[in-house]
Amino acid sequence: MRQLTGDILSSERLASKADSKFTMKIKALMKRNLMCAAMVLVAGSIIAADSKDDINNAVGKLAAADNYSWKTTVTIPNGGGGGRFRPGPTVGKTQKDGLTLVSFTMGDNTMDTVVQGAKGAIKTEDGWLSLDEASKEDQGPARFMARRLQNFKAPVAEVQNLLSKTQELTKSDDAYSADLTADGAKSLLTFGGRRGGNGPAITGAKGSVKFWVTDGVITKYQTKVQGTITRNGEDVDIDRTSTTEIKEVGTTKVEPTDDAKKKLS
């Protein structure tokens, strides 16, 4: 009987030791898996941070240039309809002190503008108007453009603004890309929105952004946004791609007319 009892106790001790070793192996495996997962997360965060630094450095080099030109094209499925609200290209030139010439095309109409800091001028059929003068006009192209220029950003400022609206930025073979935050997508859907919180209601906003860098300088960027804007009880579905290409870095001439300069003073 004593022998049997001893054998049972011995077996239990062996089983206990085996269970203990098995438990230790499981704990070690779990610890190793957790460490691996943490390393992956840290590595992903470092890569995302490095990617954002790459774009910040690339746009910093563009900002340091004496001047540059750009062209922005807007693509909407099925052409976005016709008429005077059909988006056309935006062509601009800017120099380091902020003096900027921009031509906006909508439908068959093109409007020339000059901007420097908080000041600006718009060319109308009756000549150049300052932003203040255009804002006081009756509803029409000049007043609409004055409002648009209040939210205008040249490419350097626009890229910096886009970076603040992105989620995790990743690098592929030829570009850096990221999804926009919901608030970022909303602001792009309304071209920056109206001041005072009186903008239209927006639902289903989403979007993405992509940056191209050549020789350490940003040369192209693209935004894609989708969502529904409700204005005066009417829903309008938006699906818009905007592509900006930068060129003539250091060789662009920014030369506003004398009449335009007077409106900046």
Protein backbone atom coordinates (compact mmCIF):
# COMPACT_ATOMS: atom_id res chain seq x y z
CA MET A 1 0.00 0.00 0.00
CA ARG A 2 2.82 2.39 0.95
CA GLN A 3 4.57 1.54 -2.30
CA LEU A 4 1.42 2.32 -4.27
CA THR A 5 0.95 5.60 -2.45
CA GLY A 6 4.59 6.53 -3.10
CA ASP A 7 4.21 5.74 -6.79
CA ILE A 8 1.10 7.91 -7.01
CA LEU A 9 2.83 10.84 -5.29
CA SER A 10 5.85 10.44 -7.52
CA SER A 11 3.64 10.44 -10.59
CA GLU A 12 1.87 13.57 -9.40
CA ARG A 13 5.20 15.32 -8.83
CA LEU A 14 6.35 14.39 -12.34
CA ALA A 15 3.05 15.57 -13.81
CA SER A 16 3.32 18.81 -11.85
CA LYS A 17 6.86 19.40 -13.12
CA ALA A 18 5.73 18.67 -16.69
CA ASP A 19 2.80 21.05 -16.36
CA SER A 20 5.11 23.69 -14.95
CA LYS A 21 7.57 23.31 -17.83
CA PHE A 22 4.71 23.43 -20.35
CA THR A 23 3.29 26.56 -18.71
CA MET A 24 6.71 28.23 -18.77
CA LYS A 25 7.08 27.41 -22.47
CA ILE A 26 3.64 28.89 -23.21
CA LYS A 27 4.47 32.05 -21.25
CA ALA A 28 7.82 32.37 -23.02
CA LEU A 29 6.14 31.94 -26.42
CA MET A 30 3.48 34.54 -25.56
CA LYS A 31 6.15 36.95 -24.36
CA ARG A 32 8.14 36.48 -27.54
CA ASN A 33 5.04 37.04 -29.70
CA LEU A 34 4.18 40.20 -27.75
CA MET A 35 7.72 41.50 -28.19
CA CYS A 36 7.58 40.78 -31.93
CA ALA A 37 4.25 42.58 -32.24
CA ALA A 38 5.61 45.56 -30.31
CA MET A 39 8.69 45.68 -32.55
CA VAL A 40 6.47 45.65 -35.65
CA LEU A 41 4.38 48.52 -34.27
CA VAL A 42 7.47 50.53 -33.35
CA ALA A 43 9.04 49.88 -36.75
CA GLY A 44 5.81 50.94 -38.48
CA SER A 45 5.70 54.15 -36.45
CA ILE A 46 9.33 54.92 -37.26
CA ILE A 47 8.75 54.31 -40.98
CA ALA A 48 5.65 56.54 -40.94
CA ALA A 49 7.56 59.26 -39.10
CA ASP A 50 10.47 58.98 -41.54
CA SER A 51 8.07 59.22 -44.50
CA LYS A 52 6.52 62.40 -43.10
CA ASP A 53 10.00 63.82 -42.50
CA ASP A 54 10.89 63.02 -46.12
CA ILE A 55 7.93 65.08 -47.37
CA ASN A 56 8.62 67.92 -44.92
CA ASN A 57 12.22 68.06 -46.13
CA ALA A 58 11.14 67.88 -49.78
CA VAL A 59 8.67 70.75 -49.41
CA GLY A 60 11.25 72.67 -47.39
CA LYS A 61 13.61 72.57 -50.36
CA LEU A 62 10.84 73.86 -52.60
CA ALA A 63 10.14 76.68 -50.15
CA ALA A 64 13.82 77.61 -50.22
CA ALA A 65 13.76 78.02 -54.02
CA ASP A 66 13.63 81.58 -55.37
CA ASN A 67 10.52 80.77 -57.42
CA TYR A 68 8.54 78.03 -59.13
CA SER A 69 5.46 77.39 -61.28
CA TRP A 70 2.66 74.86 -60.98
CA LYS A 71 -0.45 73.57 -62.68
CA THR A 72 -3.41 71.92 -60.97
CA THR A 73 -5.92 69.86 -62.92
CA VAL A 74 -9.21 68.55 -61.55
CA THR A 75 -10.78 65.31 -62.75
CA ILE A 76 -14.42 64.43 -62.07
CA PRO A 77 -16.11 61.21 -63.34
CA ASN A 78 -18.07 61.84 -66.55
CA GLY A 79 -16.50 65.29 -66.77
CA GLY A 80 -18.57 66.71 -63.92
CA GLY A 81 -21.21 68.01 -66.28
CA GLY A 82 -20.91 71.07 -68.46
CA GLY A 83 -21.55 74.76 -68.13
CA ARG A 84 -19.80 77.51 -66.25
CA PHE A 85 -19.11 75.36 -63.17
CA ARG A 86 -17.05 72.75 -65.01
CA PRO A 87 -13.59 72.80 -63.34
CA GLY A 88 -10.64 73.73 -65.48
CA PRO A 89 -6.92 74.00 -64.72
CA THR A 90 -5.38 76.37 -62.20
CA VAL A 91 -2.01 77.77 -63.25
CA GLY A 92 0.26 79.62 -60.87
CA LYS A 93 3.66 81.25 -60.36
CA THR A 94 5.17 82.27 -57.05
CA GLN A 95 8.41 83.64 -55.62
CA LYS A 96 10.05 83.45 -52.20
CA ASP A 97 8.63 86.75 -50.89
CA GLY A 98 5.10 85.39 -51.42
CA LEU A 99 4.18 87.34 -54.55
CA THR A 100 1.96 84.94 -56.50
CA LEU A 101 0.09 85.02 -59.81
CA VAL A 102 -2.76 82.54 -60.23
CA SER A 103 -5.18 81.97 -63.11
CA PHE A 104 -8.34 80.02 -62.25
CA THR A 105 -10.45 78.45 -65.01
CA MET A 106 -14.07 77.45 -64.54
CA GLY A 107 -16.02 76.37 -67.60
CA ASP A 108 -15.00 78.63 -70.48
CA ASN A 109 -13.95 81.50 -68.21
CA THR A 110 -10.51 82.26 -66.78
CA MET A 111 -9.90 84.77 -64.00
CA ASP A 112 -6.44 86.20 -63.26
CA THR A 113 -5.45 87.06 -59.70
CA VAL A 114 -2.45 88.34 -57.74
CA VAL A 115 -1.83 87.46 -54.10
CA GLN A 116 0.79 88.51 -51.56
CA GLY A 117 0.18 87.73 -47.93
CA ALA A 118 -3.30 88.86 -46.90
CA LYS A 119 -3.58 91.20 -49.88
CA GLY A 120 -4.81 90.32 -53.34
CA ALA A 121 -6.25 91.62 -56.59
CA ILE A 122 -8.66 90.20 -59.14
CA LYS A 123 -8.91 91.10 -62.82
CA THR A 124 -12.47 91.77 -63.99
CA GLU A 125 -14.00 93.06 -67.21
CA ASP A 126 -13.79 96.54 -65.71
CA GLY A 127 -10.17 96.26 -64.59
CA TRP A 128 -8.39 95.15 -61.44
CA LEU A 129 -10.13 95.11 -58.06
CA SER A 130 -8.55 94.65 -54.64
CA LEU A 131 -9.85 91.78 -52.50
CA ASP A 132 -11.68 94.29 -50.33
CA GLU A 133 -13.35 95.88 -53.36
CA ALA A 134 -14.27 92.51 -54.86
CA SER A 135 -15.78 91.34 -51.55
CA LYS A 136 -18.17 94.30 -51.64
CA GLU A 137 -19.37 93.54 -55.17
CA ASP A 138 -22.84 92.17 -55.82
CA GLN A 139 -23.03 88.39 -56.18
CA GLY A 140 -20.87 87.49 -59.16
CA PRO A 141 -17.50 86.07 -60.30
CA ALA A 142 -15.38 88.72 -58.54
CA ARG A 143 -17.03 88.22 -55.15
CA PHE A 144 -16.86 84.44 -55.51
CA MET A 145 -13.16 84.65 -56.35
CA ALA A 146 -12.47 87.00 -53.43
CA ARG A 147 -13.94 84.39 -51.10
CA ARG A 148 -11.90 81.65 -52.74
CA LEU A 149 -8.67 83.60 -52.41
CA GLN A 150 -9.23 83.93 -48.66
CA ASN A 151 -8.59 80.17 -48.45
CA PHE A 152 -5.94 80.02 -51.19
CA LYS A 153 -2.66 78.21 -50.52
CA ALA A 154 0.30 77.95 -52.89
CA PRO A 155 1.81 74.44 -53.16
CA VAL A 156 4.31 74.76 -50.28
CA ALA A 157 1.60 75.81 -47.82
CA GLU A 158 -0.90 73.37 -49.31
CA VAL A 159 1.41 70.36 -48.92
CA GLN A 160 2.13 71.34 -45.31
CA ASN A 161 -1.61 71.63 -44.73
CA LEU A 162 -2.26 68.25 -46.34
CA LEU A 163 0.36 66.59 -44.14
CA SER A 164 -1.50 67.82 -41.08
CA LYS A 165 -4.65 66.12 -42.38
CA THR A 166 -3.15 62.69 -43.10
CA GLN A 167 -3.17 59.46 -41.18
CA GLU A 168 -0.23 57.05 -41.52
CA LEU A 169 2.02 57.97 -44.45
CA THR A 170 3.69 55.10 -46.31
CA LYS A 171 6.25 54.97 -49.10
CA SER A 172 5.83 52.86 -52.22
CA ASP A 173 8.23 52.50 -55.16
CA ASP A 174 7.51 55.88 -56.70
CA ALA A 175 5.50 57.91 -54.17
CA TYR A 176 4.32 58.49 -50.61
CA SER A 177 0.64 57.98 -49.87
CA ALA A 178 -1.82 58.25 -46.97
CA ASP A 179 -5.51 58.33 -46.18
CA LEU A 180 -6.96 61.66 -45.12
CA THR A 181 -8.60 62.09 -41.74
CA ALA A 182 -12.39 62.52 -41.85
CA ASP A 183 -12.06 66.22 -41.00
CA GLY A 184 -9.33 66.60 -43.61
CA ALA A 185 -11.52 65.06 -46.31
CA LYS A 186 -14.43 67.33 -45.31
CA SER A 187 -12.31 70.47 -45.63
CA LEU A 188 -11.12 69.48 -49.10
CA LEU A 189 -14.64 68.71 -50.27
CA THR A 190 -15.58 72.35 -49.71
CA PHE A 191 -12.22 73.85 -50.81
CA GLY A 192 -11.41 74.81 -47.23
CA GLY A 193 -14.97 75.57 -46.12
CA ARG A 194 -16.61 78.85 -45.29
CA ARG A 195 -15.54 80.94 -42.36
CA GLY A 196 -17.89 81.28 -39.42
CA GLY A 197 -19.12 77.67 -39.51
CA ASN A 198 -21.82 78.35 -42.11
CA GLY A 199 -20.73 75.67 -44.57
CA PRO A 200 -22.99 72.94 -45.98
CA ALA A 201 -23.61 69.61 -44.25
CA ILE A 202 -21.18 66.87 -45.32
CA THR A 203 -21.58 63.10 -44.96
CA GLY A 204 -19.51 60.10 -46.00
CA ALA A 205 -16.34 62.15 -46.39
CA LYS A 206 -13.20 60.18 -47.22
CA GLY A 207 -10.08 60.73 -49.24
CA SER A 208 -6.41 60.09 -49.84
CA VAL A 209 -3.28 62.01 -50.76
CA LYS A 210 -0.15 61.09 -52.67
CA PHE A 211 3.22 62.87 -52.98
CA TRP A 212 6.02 62.44 -55.52
CA VAL A 213 9.61 63.50 -54.77
CA THR A 214 12.47 63.83 -57.27
CA ASP A 215 16.05 64.60 -56.21
CA GLY A 216 14.81 65.48 -52.74
CA VAL A 217 12.27 68.07 -53.93
CA ILE A 218 8.52 67.63 -54.14
CA THR A 219 7.44 67.65 -57.79
CA LYS A 220 3.82 66.46 -57.73
CA TYR A 221 0.96 65.75 -55.35
CA GLN A 222 -2.57 64.46 -55.73
CA THR A 223 -5.70 64.40 -53.60
CA LYS A 224 -8.80 62.25 -54.05
CA VAL A 225 -11.95 63.05 -52.11
CA GLN A 226 -15.46 61.62 -52.01
CA GLY A 227 -18.56 62.49 -50.04
CA THR A 228 -22.03 64.02 -50.13
CA ILE A 229 -22.67 67.73 -49.65
CA THR A 230 -26.17 68.84 -48.63
CA ARG A 231 -27.01 72.43 -49.51
CA ASN A 232 -30.51 73.91 -49.36
CA GLY A 233 -31.97 70.43 -48.85
CA GLU A 234 -30.32 69.02 -51.98
CA ASP A 235 -27.69 66.25 -51.88
CA VAL A 236 -24.74 66.47 -54.24
CA ASP A 237 -22.34 63.53 -54.54
CA ILE A 238 -18.71 64.58 -54.95
CA ASP A 239 -15.92 62.46 -56.43
CA ARG A 240 -12.95 64.66 -57.28
CA THR A 241 -9.26 64.11 -58.03
CA SER A 242 -6.90 67.12 -58.01
CA THR A 243 -3.35 66.78 -59.33
CA THR A 244 -0.69 69.48 -58.96
CA GLU A 245 2.55 69.35 -60.93
CA ILE A 246 5.43 71.66 -60.02
CA LYS A 247 7.92 72.87 -62.61
CA GLU A 248 10.43 75.60 -63.55
CA VAL A 249 11.87 75.68 -60.05
CA GLY A 250 14.29 78.61 -59.88
CA THR A 251 13.56 79.81 -63.43
CA THR A 252 10.02 81.18 -63.10
CA LYS A 253 9.41 84.89 -63.60
CA VAL A 254 6.63 86.45 -61.52
CA GLU A 255 5.71 89.77 -63.16
CA PRO A 256 2.28 91.26 -62.29
CA THR A 257 1.06 94.28 -64.26
CA ASP A 258 1.39 97.78 -62.81
CA ASP A 259 -2.40 98.01 -62.38
CA ALA A 260 -2.40 94.78 -60.36
CA LYS A 261 0.49 96.00 -58.18
CA LYS A 262 -1.43 99.18 -57.29
CA LYS A 263 -4.24 97.08 -55.85
CA LEU A 264 -1.77 95.29 -53.57
CA SER A 265 -0.50 98.51 -52.00
